[in-house]
Each structure stands twice: as structure tokens, then as C-alpha cells.
């Protein structure tokens, strides 16, 4: 299905009608043919039973003799690399920062980026000579990372956990690391890594990277420290059975980008102004899936974009900036409303972020704030995953949400000073049309809930995290006592930023006790 969906995206760029897609014979092929019959390609099935059996045997062989294969390969190619990395460094599990050169950890000198899996956007061959990034997946061929792995269970998930934990354990031990930081709240690898660093009397830290209000046990956190946007999350995470010893409120972590991208936003705005746009709207969509099985489908997004395009074409003094969650998939959407799309492009009053990362359809390089700060109003089409809308508002741009999931328990519905959430698209667009040339900061203000989103709003979240980690690293290096180091660090942080900004818990039940 993934292959077919990929073909759907790229076949829309080809004018040929006689495209053939060959797949190996399988069950439900009749259903597959019917499902994709409306597209400009034909699906044909071939009976490759012999090839299928051969591939199956090869996979079985690799799984059975994989470790021996890697040992032999290492011996033959002499791939037992020496890391040549500084000892005691801080391990940061967030390769996107490395790839995008975000400079988030600029105030910390002794650190390295690590990812559990190889990334297509890095030159893995040169990694052994790098002092800034390591892929453990690539370093699998260094068998040292798998030493002493003898745990076996009938439960495959338990086996996987201990295998990954052992891999991290050996990596941390090899380099005498005492602090592990992850941004991957929704990835199980971070749990294994936290377990490993704790086994070595080290500290695990999690950093909130996206906004959320509602939590559940499937995304629980297991960490010594959790740096989050707001202290509103403390009780939510505890209710979801997260095991966090210290919640630390630091503010929205990407607010440092507001100053960095202010000039780019100004240039973008001037470009649209020159083509007649007196007012500018930025639109952030949350993406879609081709079959609509687990998320919104194409038709959902096409309706919204057609409405927006018609609105901008009709109003000759309004401009539009589009920043999709998945710009690598937007060609298909625009091809289905081609007439409106071309008319909009011809106006010169529209700017579309079309570039995306080398390793996927998302754009992690160009921040939301660049688009929002060039705009008078921002619209985010999904309240449930509201990070783009949050960044837009914190950057200083009036922002509203569209919410067809009826999330009435959200704090954004409780904003008594202004209506900033709309569950009806037509009503929302009418509101925009009636207010766009008035005082939007007053009409769509967040005064009633903004402190719950980010109590600081000073652009210094990055500095708060860097300072905390630096002080913690110094204390651990000095006395090697984890609990005392964290306790001292917490005291300094609370004295500077407020006693309500840290919540510490004293046992695995995470009972709500302030220190």
C-alpha cells in the first residue's frame, strides 16, 4: 500500500495514461484493483512464487546468522572503529538538530548527537570521523555495542526492550556518559536509553518538542527530568502514569527562532505587499493520508484549500502564505484543484513553502514563525495537534484554530476573552472576511489562556534548558552524586524563575508533591 500511495503522488506529475504497476501475486488483489481504478495507472499482478520463497529463505538465514555475519564482516573489513570522542559527553538523541544545524545546544560544549536508527539525510560513511553525530544503527557493525546481551524472554517486546537497552548501555559505558537527552516522547527507544543511563547512575532527560493537551498511557514518559512548555502539563502527565522525577517548565523551546527569522519574514511580507496584498493570511495544515484510513484524506484538505483559494482570488487586497505539514505530498492536492491553483499563482499574492527534507515529505528546516511573522492572521486546521498554531501566536501573530473533532475540553474553548476556535469552516471564513481589516489582535486575542500555553513568552526557553544542563553537568562532574546535583540545580532554577516552575516527585507513583 505504501508503494501504491507513493505512485499516486508521483503519477499525478506524469501526463501518460498507460502507466503499469507490477506487483507480486497476493490475496485481495481484486479489492486492490477496484480501490485504485480511478487513478492513471493499471495494477498488474505476477505470480512470483519461486522468488517469494527464495527471498523468505534469505531473510530467515540473515535473522539466524546475522550476528555471525557482522562479526565476519567486521573482521574482514576491519570496521571496529575507535570513536575518538571526548569522554563524559552529554548524549542528545535528536538527529534533526544535527541535520538542520539548529544551534539549539550552542551553550553546551561537550555533547554529541546520537540517533538509534540510521538517517538517510546523513553521510553515514563519514560518521566515524565526526565528533558531533553518531548513528547507533550504523555502528551496529561495532559488535562492542552488543556485548553481554544474554537476556531471552518468550515476549518479543521484552526481548526488544532489553536488546535496545543493552545497546545504549554499552554505548554510554564505553564513553562514560552521565546525561542522556531525548526529544522523542512518542518513540520507545528513549525508554530503553533512559533505563540504560539510569543503570549507570546517570540522568535521563526528555524535552517537549510539540504542543499537546491530552495524554494517555501509550505516550507516558519515563525520565528523571522533563523540560516542558508549561506547568499545566505536570498534572496531565502524572494522570497518564508517566514516571518523571522532576518536571521543569521552561517555555516554548523554539521561541529563540523568532528573532532569527524576523528579517526573512519581513522580506516575504514585502514581496506579497508589492503585488497588492494589504493583509496576509498564513495557513498551516496538518497533512493527510492517501486512503484516509487513520487520518484525514485528500478530499478533506482539498475542500479547505479550494475555499481559501477562492477567498484570496475574490479579495484582491489579501495575500496567502501556505506552509503545509507535508509539502512533499501537496502536488497531488493542488493538481486536483488546478484551475484555482493556477489563478492564485497568477495573482502574485501567494507564497507556498514547497521544499521538504531529503528523508521525507515534511519540512523541518523552515519554521512556522517565518510564515506567521509575515502575516496579519494565521489559521491552523487542527486543534488536536496545535504546535503550528502555538508557535504562530507566540511569535506575535493573531491565530485561530479549526476543530471538527469537537475537543470542547481544550483550554482554547475556555478562552473567555475571544473566540479563537471554530468547528464550522464556513463560519470561520465568514469571521475572517468580516474582521481581516480590523484590529485582529483584539478580535482574536488569547489573553484568557496564554499563560497556560507558555508562562514566560520571553524568547529564552533555549537558554533556560542549556543553563540547567550545563549546571547539572558541572555538579555531576564535581561530586558524582546524581540526586544532590539535581536537587541543587532545581533550587537555583526555582530561585531565578519561580517556585511553581518545578515539580519534583519522590517515588515511582509520581504522587503530586512539591519540594
Protein backbone atom coordinates (compact mmCIF):
# COMPACT_ATOMS: atom_id res chain seq x y z
CA UNK A 1 0.00 0.00 0.00
CA UNK A 2 2.86 2.36 0.78
CA UNK A 3 4.30 1.75 -2.69
CA UNK A 4 0.96 2.40 -4.39
CA UNK A 5 0.40 5.58 -2.40
CA UNK A 6 3.85 6.78 -3.42
CA UNK A 7 2.98 6.09 -7.06
CA UNK A 8 -0.27 8.07 -6.71
CA UNK A 9 1.67 11.15 -5.64
CA UNK A 10 4.21 10.99 -8.45
CA UNK A 11 1.93 9.74 -11.23
CA UNK A 12 -0.03 12.99 -10.94
CA UNK A 13 3.03 14.74 -12.39
CA UNK A 14 3.08 12.43 -15.45
CA UNK A 15 0.76 13.04 -18.39
CA UNK A 16 0.97 9.43 -19.61
CA UNK A 17 -2.22 7.38 -19.27
CA UNK A 18 -0.67 3.97 -19.94
CA UNK A 19 1.27 3.52 -16.68
CA UNK A 20 1.59 -0.08 -15.47
CA UNK A 21 2.41 -1.09 -11.91
CA UNK A 22 3.54 -4.69 -11.39
CA UNK A 23 3.07 -6.32 -8.00
CA UNK A 24 3.65 -9.86 -6.78
CA UNK A 25 0.56 -12.03 -6.56
CA UNK A 26 -1.34 -11.70 -3.27
CA UNK A 27 -4.69 -12.05 -1.56
CA UNK A 28 -7.38 -9.41 -2.09
CA UNK A 29 -5.90 -8.33 -5.42
CA UNK A 30 -9.39 -7.77 -6.81
CA UNK A 31 -10.13 -5.31 -4.00
CA UNK A 32 -6.83 -3.52 -4.60
CA UNK A 33 -7.55 -3.13 -8.33
CA UNK A 34 -11.05 -1.75 -7.61
CA UNK A 35 -9.79 0.66 -4.94
CA UNK A 36 -7.20 2.27 -7.22
CA UNK A 37 -9.04 2.02 -10.53
CA UNK A 38 -9.72 5.80 -10.69
CA UNK A 39 -6.03 6.68 -10.97
CA UNK A 40 -3.99 6.98 -14.19
CA UNK A 41 -2.18 3.66 -13.82
CA UNK A 42 -3.01 -0.02 -14.10
CA UNK A 43 -2.08 -2.55 -11.41
CA UNK A 44 -0.97 -5.96 -12.68
CA UNK A 45 -0.15 -8.96 -10.53
CA UNK A 46 2.51 -11.56 -11.31
CA UNK A 47 2.92 -14.97 -9.77
CA UNK A 48 6.47 -14.96 -8.42
CA UNK A 49 6.04 -17.83 -6.01
CA UNK A 50 9.60 -19.14 -6.54
CA UNK A 51 11.15 -15.71 -5.97
CA UNK A 52 8.97 -15.17 -2.91
CA UNK A 53 10.17 -18.44 -1.36
CA UNK A 54 13.79 -17.60 -2.13
CA UNK A 55 13.52 -14.15 -0.51
CA UNK A 56 11.82 -15.69 2.51
CA UNK A 57 14.69 -18.16 2.97
CA UNK A 58 17.27 -15.38 2.63
CA UNK A 59 15.54 -13.32 5.31
CA UNK A 60 15.39 -16.35 7.59
CA UNK A 61 19.09 -17.01 7.04
CA UNK A 62 20.04 -13.40 7.84
CA UNK A 63 17.98 -13.45 11.03
CA UNK A 64 19.54 -16.72 12.14
CA UNK A 65 23.14 -15.88 11.31
CA UNK A 66 23.06 -12.09 11.45
CA UNK A 67 25.46 -11.77 14.38
CA UNK A 68 27.99 -14.15 12.81
CA UNK A 69 27.69 -12.23 9.55
CA UNK A 70 28.50 -8.92 11.24
CA UNK A 71 31.41 -10.44 13.16
CA UNK A 72 32.85 -11.82 9.93
CA UNK A 73 32.30 -8.54 8.12
CA UNK A 74 33.97 -6.56 10.87
CA UNK A 75 36.96 -8.87 10.86
CA UNK A 76 37.28 -8.85 7.08
CA UNK A 77 36.83 -5.11 6.58
CA UNK A 78 38.44 -4.03 9.86
CA UNK A 79 35.40 -1.95 10.84
CA UNK A 80 35.91 -1.97 14.60
CA UNK A 81 36.18 1.81 14.70
CA UNK A 82 37.62 3.79 17.54
CA UNK A 83 35.25 6.61 18.39
CA UNK A 84 37.95 9.18 19.23
CA UNK A 85 35.29 11.18 21.07
CA UNK A 86 35.64 13.12 24.32
CA UNK A 87 34.77 11.14 27.41
CA UNK A 88 31.87 12.13 29.68
CA UNK A 89 29.98 13.93 26.93
CA UNK A 90 26.26 14.66 27.00
CA UNK A 91 24.29 12.42 24.62
CA UNK A 92 21.46 14.14 22.73
CA UNK A 93 19.06 11.87 20.86
CA UNK A 94 17.75 14.34 18.27
CA UNK A 95 19.39 13.99 14.87
CA UNK A 96 17.17 16.64 13.25
CA UNK A 97 19.03 19.31 15.22
CA UNK A 98 22.27 17.99 13.76
CA UNK A 99 20.95 17.82 10.19
CA UNK A 100 19.34 21.27 10.28
CA UNK A 101 22.22 22.86 12.22
CA UNK A 102 19.69 24.42 14.57
CA UNK A 103 22.35 25.53 17.08
CA UNK A 104 19.94 24.76 19.91
CA UNK A 105 22.70 23.45 22.18
CA UNK A 106 25.17 26.23 21.35
CA UNK A 107 25.84 26.94 25.03
CA UNK A 108 26.92 23.35 25.75
CA UNK A 109 30.38 22.37 24.59
CA UNK A 110 30.73 18.71 25.49
CA UNK A 111 27.86 16.96 23.68
CA UNK A 112 27.14 14.74 20.71
CA UNK A 113 24.01 13.96 18.69
CA UNK A 114 23.01 10.31 18.61
CA UNK A 115 20.16 8.51 16.88
CA UNK A 116 19.17 4.89 17.34
CA UNK A 117 18.43 4.44 13.64
CA UNK A 118 20.44 5.43 10.58
CA UNK A 119 19.20 8.53 8.77
CA UNK A 120 19.08 8.97 5.01
CA UNK A 121 19.99 12.64 5.35
CA UNK A 122 23.46 12.00 6.78
CA UNK A 123 26.59 10.71 5.11
CA UNK A 124 27.00 7.60 7.24
CA UNK A 125 30.34 6.71 5.69
CA UNK A 126 31.96 9.76 7.25
CA UNK A 127 30.31 9.35 10.64
CA UNK A 128 33.32 7.61 12.29
CA UNK A 129 35.32 10.81 11.78
CA UNK A 130 32.56 13.05 13.10
CA UNK A 131 32.70 14.50 16.60
CA UNK A 132 29.09 15.69 16.51
CA UNK A 133 26.90 12.79 15.37
CA UNK A 134 26.72 9.01 15.76
CA UNK A 135 24.11 6.61 14.42
CA UNK A 136 23.92 3.52 16.62
CA UNK A 137 22.28 1.67 13.75
CA UNK A 138 25.33 2.33 11.59
CA UNK A 139 27.60 1.35 14.46
CA UNK A 140 25.84 -1.98 14.80
CA UNK A 141 28.83 -3.39 12.98
CA UNK A 142 30.90 -2.42 16.02
CA UNK A 143 30.00 -5.52 17.97
CA UNK A 144 31.07 -3.88 21.25
CA UNK A 145 27.64 -2.31 21.47
CA UNK A 146 26.08 -5.75 21.76
CA UNK A 147 28.42 -7.27 24.35
CA UNK A 148 26.88 -9.12 27.29
CA UNK A 149 23.45 -9.48 25.73
CA UNK A 150 22.16 -12.78 27.08
CA UNK A 151 18.59 -11.90 28.08
CA UNK A 152 15.89 -14.03 26.47
CA UNK A 153 12.14 -14.00 27.01
CA UNK A 154 9.13 -15.56 25.32
CA UNK A 155 7.78 -11.99 24.98
CA UNK A 156 9.19 -10.38 21.83
CA UNK A 157 8.61 -6.84 23.13
CA UNK A 158 10.53 -7.60 26.31
CA UNK A 159 13.37 -9.03 24.23
CA UNK A 160 13.45 -5.93 22.06
CA UNK A 161 13.46 -3.62 25.07
CA UNK A 162 16.40 -5.35 26.73
CA UNK A 163 18.27 -5.66 23.44
CA UNK A 164 17.96 -1.92 22.78
CA UNK A 165 18.66 -1.05 26.40
CA UNK A 166 21.82 -3.17 26.29
CA UNK A 167 22.96 -1.41 23.14
CA UNK A 168 22.55 2.01 24.77
CA UNK A 169 24.14 0.72 28.00
CA UNK A 170 27.31 -0.34 26.26
CA UNK A 171 27.45 2.91 24.31
CA UNK A 172 27.08 5.05 27.46
CA UNK A 173 29.56 2.88 29.37
CA UNK A 174 32.11 2.97 26.55
CA UNK A 175 32.14 6.75 26.65
CA UNK A 176 31.44 7.26 30.37
CA UNK A 177 28.35 9.37 29.61
CA UNK A 178 26.22 10.56 32.52
CA UNK A 179 23.47 12.62 30.83
CA UNK A 180 21.09 11.44 28.09
CA UNK A 181 18.62 13.89 26.48
CA UNK A 182 15.81 12.92 24.13
CA UNK A 183 13.09 14.79 22.20
CA UNK A 184 11.37 11.52 21.25
CA UNK A 185 8.39 11.31 23.61
CA UNK A 186 6.46 9.10 21.19
CA UNK A 187 9.32 6.67 20.45
CA UNK A 188 10.01 3.60 22.63
CA UNK A 189 13.78 3.85 22.06
CA UNK A 190 14.01 6.68 24.58
CA UNK A 191 12.63 4.41 27.32
CA UNK A 192 15.34 1.82 26.67
CA UNK A 193 18.00 4.54 26.65
CA UNK A 194 16.69 6.06 29.91
CA UNK A 195 16.80 2.64 31.54
CA UNK A 196 20.39 2.19 30.37
CA UNK A 197 21.69 5.56 31.58
CA UNK A 198 19.96 5.08 34.94
CA UNK A 199 21.66 1.67 35.28
CA UNK A 200 24.97 3.53 35.06
CA UNK A 201 23.96 6.08 37.71
CA UNK A 202 23.29 8.71 35.04
CA UNK A 203 20.48 11.17 34.30
CA UNK A 204 17.79 10.85 31.64
CA UNK A 205 16.04 13.96 30.35
CA UNK A 206 13.10 14.44 27.98
CA UNK A 207 12.39 17.69 26.14
CA UNK A 208 8.88 18.57 24.92
CA UNK A 209 9.09 19.35 21.21
CA UNK A 210 5.42 19.63 20.23
CA UNK A 211 2.33 21.02 21.92
CA UNK A 212 -0.35 18.72 23.33
CA UNK A 213 -3.13 18.93 25.91
CA UNK A 214 -4.43 15.38 26.13
CA UNK A 215 -2.20 12.48 27.15
CA UNK A 216 -2.61 8.75 27.60
CA UNK A 217 -0.58 5.80 28.79
CA UNK A 218 0.70 4.94 25.30
CA UNK A 219 2.84 8.09 25.36
CA UNK A 220 3.89 8.04 29.00
CA UNK A 221 7.32 9.43 29.88
CA UNK A 222 9.96 7.56 31.89
CA UNK A 223 12.65 10.08 32.75
CA UNK A 224 14.45 11.85 35.57
CA UNK A 225 13.79 15.26 34.01
CA UNK A 226 11.08 16.57 31.70
CA UNK A 227 11.53 20.04 30.21
CA UNK A 228 8.07 21.17 29.15
CA UNK A 229 6.43 24.33 27.79
CA UNK A 230 4.12 24.95 30.72
CA UNK A 231 3.44 23.76 34.26
CA UNK A 232 -0.10 22.96 33.05
CA UNK A 233 1.30 19.62 31.83
CA UNK A 234 2.54 18.46 35.23
CA UNK A 235 -0.77 17.01 36.42
CA UNK A 236 -1.71 15.68 32.96
CA UNK A 237 1.45 13.58 32.69
CA UNK A 238 1.05 12.26 36.23
CA UNK A 239 -2.52 11.17 35.44
CA UNK A 240 -1.24 9.29 32.37
CA UNK A 241 1.10 7.29 34.66
CA UNK A 242 4.28 8.96 33.44
CA UNK A 243 7.21 8.29 35.75
CA UNK A 244 9.04 11.62 35.91
CA UNK A 245 11.06 12.66 38.93
CA UNK A 246 11.32 16.34 38.02
CA UNK A 247 9.02 18.39 35.80
CA UNK A 248 10.71 21.62 34.71
CA UNK A 249 8.72 24.38 33.00
CA UNK A 250 10.95 26.24 30.51
CA UNK A 251 8.55 27.75 27.93
CA UNK A 252 8.17 27.07 24.21
CA UNK A 253 11.55 25.71 23.12
CA UNK A 254 11.54 27.19 19.59
CA UNK A 255 10.92 30.78 20.66
CA UNK A 256 14.61 31.58 20.03
CA UNK A 257 13.84 31.41 16.30
CA UNK A 258 11.56 34.46 16.41
CA UNK A 259 14.48 36.89 16.35
CA UNK A 260 16.50 34.78 13.92
CA UNK A 261 13.75 34.74 11.26
CA UNK A 262 12.32 38.22 11.72
CA UNK A 263 14.21 39.68 8.75
CA UNK A 264 13.25 36.78 6.44
CA UNK A 265 9.62 37.27 7.40
CA UNK A 266 9.86 40.96 6.61
CA UNK A 267 11.24 40.23 3.13
CA UNK A 268 8.46 37.68 2.49
CA UNK A 269 5.79 40.17 3.54
CA UNK A 270 7.21 42.92 1.34
CA UNK A 271 7.14 40.55 -1.63
CA UNK A 272 3.40 39.96 -1.25
CA UNK A 273 2.72 43.63 -0.43
CA UNK A 274 4.26 44.65 -3.76
CA UNK A 275 1.69 42.50 -5.56
CA UNK A 276 -1.25 44.19 -3.85
CA UNK A 277 -1.67 42.24 -0.61
CA UNK A 278 -2.56 44.74 2.10
CA UNK A 279 -3.42 41.95 4.55
CA UNK A 280 -1.85 38.49 4.64
CA UNK A 281 -3.16 35.19 5.99
CA UNK A 282 -0.89 32.23 6.71
CA UNK A 283 -2.41 28.74 6.63
CA UNK A 284 -0.93 25.70 8.35
CA UNK A 285 -2.38 22.29 7.50
CA UNK A 286 -1.62 19.09 9.40
CA UNK A 287 -1.28 16.90 6.31
CA UNK A 288 -3.35 13.98 5.05
CA UNK A 289 -3.24 10.30 4.16
CA UNK A 290 -4.00 8.98 0.70
CA UNK A 291 -6.58 6.44 1.80
CA UNK A 292 -7.96 8.36 4.80
CA UNK A 293 -7.74 5.22 6.89
CA UNK A 294 -6.06 6.59 10.01
CA UNK A 295 -6.20 10.32 9.33
CA UNK A 296 -7.87 12.95 7.13
CA UNK A 297 -7.99 12.11 3.42
CA UNK A 298 -7.37 14.23 0.32
CA UNK A 299 -10.95 15.42 0.00
CA UNK A 300 -10.86 16.92 3.48
CA UNK A 301 -7.84 19.06 2.61
CA UNK A 302 -8.99 19.85 -0.93
CA UNK A 303 -12.21 21.40 0.41
CA UNK A 304 -10.23 23.69 2.71
CA UNK A 305 -7.73 24.75 0.07
CA UNK A 306 -10.40 25.34 -2.58
CA UNK A 307 -12.24 27.58 -0.11
CA UNK A 308 -9.07 29.51 0.73
CA UNK A 309 -8.03 29.89 -2.91
CA UNK A 310 -11.46 31.20 -3.91
CA UNK A 311 -11.37 33.63 -0.98
CA UNK A 312 -7.97 35.07 -1.93
CA UNK A 313 -8.79 35.25 -5.65
CA UNK A 314 -12.00 37.16 -4.85
CA UNK A 315 -10.33 39.58 -2.42
CA UNK A 316 -7.65 41.33 -4.46
CA UNK A 317 -6.01 43.04 -1.49
CA UNK A 318 -5.45 39.89 0.60
CA UNK A 319 -2.45 37.56 0.32
CA UNK A 320 -1.90 33.95 1.38
CA UNK A 321 1.11 32.05 2.74
CA UNK A 322 0.84 28.26 2.74
CA UNK A 323 3.01 26.11 4.99
CA UNK A 324 1.89 22.52 4.92
CA UNK A 325 2.98 19.90 7.42
CA UNK A 326 3.87 17.69 4.43
CA UNK A 327 4.87 19.86 1.44
CA UNK A 328 6.31 16.80 -0.29
CA UNK A 329 2.74 15.49 -0.76
CA UNK A 330 0.98 18.70 -1.78
CA UNK A 331 1.36 18.33 -5.56
CA UNK A 332 -1.47 15.81 -5.54
CA UNK A 333 -3.78 18.21 -3.68
CA UNK A 334 -3.02 21.15 -5.96
CA UNK A 335 -3.36 19.01 -9.09
CA UNK A 336 -6.97 18.25 -8.13
CA UNK A 337 -7.84 21.97 -7.87
CA UNK A 338 -5.54 23.00 -10.67
CA UNK A 339 -7.74 25.78 -12.06
CA UNK A 340 -7.94 27.67 -8.75
CA UNK A 341 -4.28 26.93 -8.04
CA UNK A 342 -3.08 28.50 -11.30
CA UNK A 343 -5.34 31.53 -10.85
CA UNK A 344 -3.97 32.07 -7.37
CA UNK A 345 -0.35 31.76 -8.53
CA UNK A 346 -1.02 34.31 -11.29
CA UNK A 347 -2.11 36.91 -8.72
CA UNK A 348 1.38 37.04 -7.19
CA UNK A 349 -0.30 37.28 -3.79
CA UNK A 350 0.50 33.74 -2.67
CA UNK A 351 3.66 32.12 -1.35
CA UNK A 352 3.84 28.33 -0.91
CA UNK A 353 6.58 26.56 1.03
CA UNK A 354 7.32 23.65 -1.30
CA UNK A 355 10.72 22.38 -0.18
CA UNK A 356 10.94 19.37 2.10
CA UNK A 357 13.57 17.27 3.85
CA UNK A 358 15.70 14.77 1.96
CA UNK A 359 14.44 11.95 4.19
CA UNK A 360 10.70 12.55 3.99
CA UNK A 361 7.76 14.71 2.94
CA UNK A 362 7.95 17.09 5.93
CA UNK A 363 9.70 20.44 6.11
CA UNK A 364 11.68 20.69 9.36
CA UNK A 365 14.07 23.39 8.14
CA UNK A 366 11.74 26.37 7.60
CA UNK A 367 9.99 27.24 10.88
CA UNK A 368 6.34 28.19 11.26
CA UNK A 369 7.28 31.58 12.70
CA UNK A 370 8.83 32.69 9.40
CA UNK A 371 5.39 32.44 7.77
CA UNK A 372 3.39 33.70 10.76
CA UNK A 373 5.52 36.80 11.37
CA UNK A 374 4.96 37.80 7.72
CA UNK A 375 1.19 37.58 8.25
CA UNK A 376 -1.64 39.53 9.88
CA UNK A 377 -3.57 36.37 10.76
CA UNK A 378 -2.78 32.66 10.95
CA UNK A 379 -5.15 29.71 10.60
CA UNK A 380 -4.19 26.23 11.80
CA UNK A 381 -6.53 23.50 10.61
CA UNK A 382 -6.14 21.08 13.53
CA UNK A 383 -6.54 21.94 17.20
CA UNK A 384 -5.62 18.43 18.39
CA UNK A 385 -2.04 18.83 17.08
CA UNK A 386 -1.72 22.54 17.61
CA UNK A 387 2.03 23.21 17.65
CA UNK A 388 1.98 25.34 14.49
CA UNK A 389 -0.81 27.48 15.88
CA UNK A 390 1.00 27.82 19.20
CA UNK A 391 4.22 28.96 17.53
CA UNK A 392 2.30 31.41 15.38
CA UNK A 393 0.58 33.03 18.35
CA UNK A 394 3.74 33.17 20.47
CA UNK A 395 5.56 34.84 17.57
CA UNK A 396 3.07 37.71 17.89
CA UNK A 397 0.53 36.91 15.16
CA UNK A 398 -3.24 36.62 15.90
CA UNK A 399 -4.08 32.95 15.38
CA UNK A 400 -7.25 30.86 15.17
CA UNK A 401 -7.87 27.11 15.05
CA UNK A 402 -10.25 24.97 13.05
CA UNK A 403 -11.54 21.99 15.03
CA UNK A 404 -14.01 19.48 13.62
CA UNK A 405 -13.19 16.91 16.33
CA UNK A 406 -15.23 18.82 18.90
CA UNK A 407 -12.47 18.99 21.53
CA UNK A 408 -14.57 21.00 23.96
CA UNK A 409 -12.30 20.16 26.88
CA UNK A 410 -9.45 22.08 25.26
CA UNK A 411 -8.34 25.24 27.03
CA UNK A 412 -8.80 27.11 23.73
CA UNK A 413 -12.56 26.70 24.02
CA UNK A 414 -12.29 28.18 27.51
CA UNK A 415 -10.69 31.43 26.32
CA UNK A 416 -13.33 33.84 27.67
CA UNK A 417 -11.80 36.96 26.11
CA UNK A 418 -12.27 35.92 22.47
CA UNK A 419 -13.41 33.12 20.18
CA UNK A 420 -10.28 31.54 18.72
CA UNK A 421 -11.63 28.07 17.80
CA UNK A 422 -14.17 27.32 15.06
CA UNK A 423 -15.81 23.96 14.46
CA UNK A 424 -17.58 25.12 11.28
CA UNK A 425 -15.36 26.03 8.31
CA UNK A 426 -17.86 28.40 6.68
CA UNK A 427 -18.41 30.24 9.97
CA UNK A 428 -14.65 30.60 10.40
CA UNK A 429 -14.12 32.01 6.89
CA UNK A 430 -17.01 34.44 7.39
CA UNK A 431 -15.40 35.63 10.61
CA UNK A 432 -12.07 36.11 8.83
CA UNK A 433 -13.68 38.06 5.98
CA UNK A 434 -15.55 40.34 8.41
CA UNK A 435 -12.53 41.06 10.62
CA UNK A 436 -9.42 40.97 8.43
CA UNK A 437 -9.16 44.79 8.10
CA UNK A 438 -9.82 45.48 11.78
CA UNK A 439 -7.80 45.06 14.99
CA UNK A 440 -7.10 41.32 14.80
CA UNK A 441 -5.02 41.26 17.97
CA UNK A 442 -8.11 42.40 19.87
CA UNK A 443 -10.63 40.27 17.94
CA UNK A 444 -8.65 37.02 18.20
CA UNK A 445 -6.73 37.54 21.44
CA UNK A 446 -5.51 34.70 23.65
CA UNK A 447 -5.46 36.69 26.89
CA UNK A 448 -7.56 34.17 28.79
CA UNK A 449 -5.30 31.16 28.22
CA UNK A 450 -1.88 32.35 27.04
CA UNK A 451 -0.22 31.82 30.45
CA UNK A 452 -1.27 28.18 30.32
CA UNK A 453 0.49 27.78 26.96
CA UNK A 454 3.75 29.49 27.93
CA UNK A 455 4.08 31.43 31.21
CA UNK A 456 7.34 33.09 30.11
CA UNK A 457 7.00 34.31 26.48
CA UNK A 458 10.42 35.93 26.60
CA UNK A 459 12.29 34.03 23.86
CA UNK A 460 14.65 32.42 26.39
CA UNK A 461 13.44 28.81 26.67
CA UNK A 462 16.58 27.54 24.94
CA UNK A 463 18.81 29.42 27.38
CA UNK A 464 16.92 28.00 30.37
CA UNK A 465 17.44 24.41 29.21
CA UNK A 466 21.08 24.97 28.24
CA UNK A 467 21.82 26.62 31.57
CA UNK A 468 20.15 23.82 33.55
CA UNK A 469 22.05 21.09 31.67
CA UNK A 470 25.36 22.94 31.94
CA UNK A 471 24.97 23.37 35.70
CA UNK A 472 23.90 19.74 36.11
CA UNK A 473 26.89 18.51 34.09
CA UNK A 474 29.24 20.59 36.24
CA UNK A 475 27.73 19.32 39.52
CA UNK A 476 27.83 15.66 38.42
CA UNK A 477 31.45 16.01 37.26
CA UNK A 478 32.34 17.53 40.62
CA UNK A 479 30.65 15.16 43.09
CA UNK A 480 29.20 12.26 41.02
CA UNK A 481 26.05 12.37 43.16
CA UNK A 482 23.02 12.47 40.87
CA UNK A 483 20.32 13.22 43.43
CA UNK A 484 22.25 16.01 45.14
CA UNK A 485 23.24 17.52 41.79
CA UNK A 486 19.62 17.66 40.60
CA UNK A 487 18.43 18.97 43.97
CA UNK A 488 20.97 21.81 43.91
CA UNK A 489 20.17 22.63 40.30
CA UNK A 490 16.43 22.71 41.00
CA UNK A 491 16.96 25.13 43.87
CA UNK A 492 18.91 27.55 41.66
CA UNK A 493 16.31 27.32 38.89
CA UNK A 494 13.37 27.96 41.24
CA UNK A 495 15.07 30.91 42.89
CA UNK A 496 15.56 32.52 39.49
CA UNK A 497 12.36 31.60 37.62
CA UNK A 498 9.79 30.82 40.30
CA UNK A 499 8.98 28.00 42.71
CA UNK A 500 5.94 26.99 40.64
CA UNK A 501 8.17 26.17 37.65
CA UNK A 502 9.44 22.83 39.01
CA UNK A 503 7.51 19.90 40.37
CA UNK A 504 9.52 17.07 41.96
CA UNK A 505 8.10 13.66 42.86
CA UNK A 506 9.56 11.22 45.36
CA UNK A 507 8.51 7.74 44.23
CA UNK A 508 7.53 5.67 41.21
CA UNK A 509 3.85 6.50 41.69
CA UNK A 510 4.62 10.14 40.81
CA UNK A 511 2.43 11.47 43.60
CA UNK A 512 1.86 15.19 43.35
CA UNK A 513 4.30 16.65 45.90
CA UNK A 514 6.17 19.92 45.59
CA UNK A 515 9.65 20.09 47.10
